[in-house]
Amino acid sequence: MAELTERQKKFVDFYIELGDAAKAAVKAGYSERTARYVGYENLTKPHIRKRIDERLKQLEGERIAGAGEVMKYLSSVMRGETTDEIPLLVGGGEQSLCEQRVTAKDRLRAAELLGKRYGMFSERIQATISAEVESLVPLAELLRCD
């Protein structure tokens, strides 16, 4: 794969930030007169497109919680290790933050979500069915034409 030039690296960063190829090209140092064309051209180059996709995937991984992170958070809430910040108004209209442990209701909900994840609360119904089976009519009798 071809190595990106410094200007192309800047283009990738600005394109991810702005989402506009022409503006990203200008900020990366390309001429304003040719920015629209260069921006489009850069997006069609496979090595630049690949770098953009890699960076977007990396950012997605950093910003979006994965299953493990969600499970850790729910576990910390269930155990009462998490606190909430509650805004309070104090004298003179000033605002202050007060930390409060999560409520029993929040802890129960976290436990419920964890239990659902691990299939702990599936309801099983056991039933016994008995039935009499009548003798079947032979197919030949059904097809007989009189």
Protein backbone atom coordinates (compact mmCIF):
# COMPACT_ATOMS: atom_id res chain seq x y z
CA MET A 1 0.00 0.00 0.00
CA ALA A 2 1.26 3.47 -0.86
CA GLU A 3 2.35 5.64 2.05
CA LEU A 4 0.31 8.81 2.58
CA THR A 5 1.93 12.20 2.24
CA GLU A 6 1.68 14.67 5.11
CA ARG A 7 -1.00 16.60 3.24
CA GLN A 8 -2.99 13.43 2.64
CA LYS A 9 -2.73 12.52 6.34
CA LYS A 10 -4.04 15.97 7.24
CA PHE A 11 -6.81 15.55 4.66
CA VAL A 12 -7.88 12.29 6.32
CA ASP A 13 -8.00 13.92 9.77
CA PHE A 14 -9.90 16.97 8.58
CA TYR A 15 -12.28 14.88 6.47
CA ILE A 16 -13.19 12.79 9.52
CA GLU A 17 -13.68 15.96 11.56
CA LEU A 18 -15.65 17.95 8.96
CA GLY A 19 -17.27 15.33 6.73
CA ASP A 20 -16.72 17.62 3.71
CA ALA A 21 -13.99 16.70 1.23
CA ALA A 22 -13.56 20.22 -0.21
CA LYS A 23 -13.27 21.89 3.20
CA ALA A 24 -10.92 19.16 4.39
CA ALA A 25 -8.72 19.70 1.34
CA VAL A 26 -8.47 23.45 2.00
CA LYS A 27 -7.63 22.90 5.68
CA ALA A 28 -5.03 20.30 4.68
CA GLY A 29 -3.24 22.89 2.54
CA TYR A 30 -4.61 22.33 -0.96
CA SER A 31 -5.57 25.30 -3.14
CA GLU A 32 -9.09 26.65 -2.63
CA ARG A 33 -9.49 26.75 -6.40
CA THR A 34 -8.86 23.00 -6.77
CA ALA A 35 -10.04 21.84 -3.34
CA ARG A 36 -13.31 20.40 -4.56
CA TYR A 37 -11.61 18.31 -7.24
CA VAL A 38 -8.71 17.24 -5.00
CA GLY A 39 -11.10 16.31 -2.19
CA TYR A 40 -13.13 14.12 -4.51
CA GLU A 41 -9.99 12.61 -6.02
CA ASN A 42 -8.56 11.83 -2.58
CA LEU A 43 -11.74 9.99 -1.63
CA THR A 44 -11.42 7.77 -4.71
CA LYS A 45 -7.83 6.74 -3.95
CA PRO A 46 -7.90 3.30 -2.31
CA HIS A 47 -5.03 3.91 0.13
CA ILE A 48 -6.61 7.15 1.39
CA ARG A 49 -10.07 5.59 1.59
CA LYS A 50 -8.61 2.67 3.54
CA ARG A 51 -6.97 5.05 6.04
CA ILE A 52 -10.26 6.93 6.48
CA ASP A 53 -12.12 3.68 7.11
CA GLU A 54 -9.47 2.52 9.61
CA ARG A 55 -9.64 5.80 11.53
CA LEU A 56 -13.46 5.74 11.59
CA LYS A 57 -13.42 2.20 12.92
CA GLN A 58 -10.88 3.20 15.58
CA LEU A 59 -13.00 6.18 16.65
CA GLU A 60 -16.10 4.01 16.74
CA GLY A 61 -14.33 1.58 19.04
CA GLU A 62 -13.31 4.42 21.36
CA ARG A 63 -16.72 6.11 21.49
CA ILE A 64 -19.18 3.24 21.43
CA ALA A 65 -19.44 0.95 24.42
CA GLY A 66 -18.89 -2.70 23.71
CA ALA A 67 -20.71 -5.60 25.34
CA GLY A 68 -17.96 -6.05 27.93
CA GLU A 69 -18.09 -2.42 28.98
CA VAL A 70 -21.88 -2.53 29.32
CA MET A 71 -21.69 -5.69 31.43
CA LYS A 72 -19.06 -4.11 33.71
CA TYR A 73 -21.20 -0.99 34.15
CA LEU A 74 -24.35 -2.98 34.94
CA SER A 75 -22.37 -5.05 37.44
CA SER A 76 -21.03 -1.94 39.18
CA VAL A 77 -24.54 -0.47 39.41
CA MET A 78 -25.94 -3.74 40.77
CA ARG A 79 -23.21 -3.87 43.43
CA GLY A 80 -23.86 -0.26 44.46
CA GLU A 81 -20.40 0.91 43.38
CA THR A 82 -21.80 3.70 41.18
CA THR A 83 -22.99 7.10 42.31
CA ASP A 84 -25.27 9.68 40.73
CA GLU A 85 -24.57 13.41 40.76
CA ILE A 86 -27.66 15.36 41.75
CA PRO A 87 -27.74 19.13 41.19
CA LEU A 88 -28.85 21.15 44.21
CA LEU A 89 -29.70 24.83 44.45
CA VAL A 90 -28.05 26.51 47.41
CA GLY A 91 -28.41 30.01 48.78
CA GLY A 92 -28.15 32.83 46.25
CA GLY A 93 -29.28 30.64 43.35
CA GLU A 94 -25.92 28.87 43.09
CA GLN A 95 -25.83 25.29 41.97
CA SER A 96 -23.96 22.54 43.79
CA LEU A 97 -23.58 18.83 43.00
CA CYS A 98 -24.34 16.18 45.56
CA GLU A 99 -23.22 12.58 45.06
CA GLN A 100 -25.74 9.90 45.95
CA ARG A 101 -25.45 6.13 45.70
CA VAL A 102 -27.75 4.52 43.15
CA THR A 103 -31.15 3.50 44.47
CA ALA A 104 -32.31 -0.03 45.19
CA LYS A 105 -34.63 0.31 42.19
CA ASP A 106 -31.64 1.04 39.90
CA ARG A 107 -29.68 -1.85 41.38
CA LEU A 108 -32.61 -4.22 40.87
CA ARG A 109 -33.00 -3.10 37.24
CA ALA A 110 -29.28 -3.69 36.60
CA ALA A 111 -29.55 -7.15 38.15
CA GLU A 112 -32.58 -7.87 35.97
CA LEU A 113 -30.73 -6.85 32.79
CA LEU A 114 -27.72 -8.97 33.75
CA GLY A 115 -30.00 -11.91 34.55
CA LYS A 116 -31.70 -11.61 31.17
CA ARG A 117 -28.32 -11.57 29.46
CA TYR A 118 -27.33 -14.83 31.13
CA GLY A 119 -30.77 -16.45 30.70
CA MET A 120 -31.34 -16.74 34.44
CA PHE A 121 -35.01 -15.84 34.37
CA SER A 122 -36.36 -17.97 31.56
CA GLU A 123 -39.65 -19.53 32.55
CA ARG A 124 -39.98 -23.21 31.88
CA ILE A 125 -43.34 -24.86 31.74
CA GLN A 126 -43.53 -28.61 32.07
CA ALA A 127 -46.62 -30.26 30.71
CA THR A 128 -47.69 -33.85 30.16
CA ILE A 129 -50.05 -34.46 27.30
CA SER A 130 -51.91 -37.68 26.81
CA ALA A 131 -54.21 -38.42 23.93
CA GLU A 132 -55.79 -41.42 22.33
CA VAL A 133 -54.94 -42.06 18.72
CA GLU A 134 -57.64 -43.52 16.55
CA SER A 135 -56.67 -45.94 13.85
CA LEU A 136 -55.85 -44.28 10.59
CA VAL A 137 -57.89 -44.96 7.49
CA PRO A 138 -55.74 -46.57 4.80
CA LEU A 139 -55.02 -44.31 1.83
CA ALA A 140 -56.48 -46.84 -0.58
CA GLU A 141 -59.90 -46.50 1.10
CA LEU A 142 -59.80 -42.73 0.73
CA LEU A 143 -58.96 -42.88 -2.97
CA ARG A 144 -61.55 -45.54 -3.80
CA CYS A 145 -64.18 -44.26 -6.16
CA ASP A 146 -67.59 -46.01 -6.23
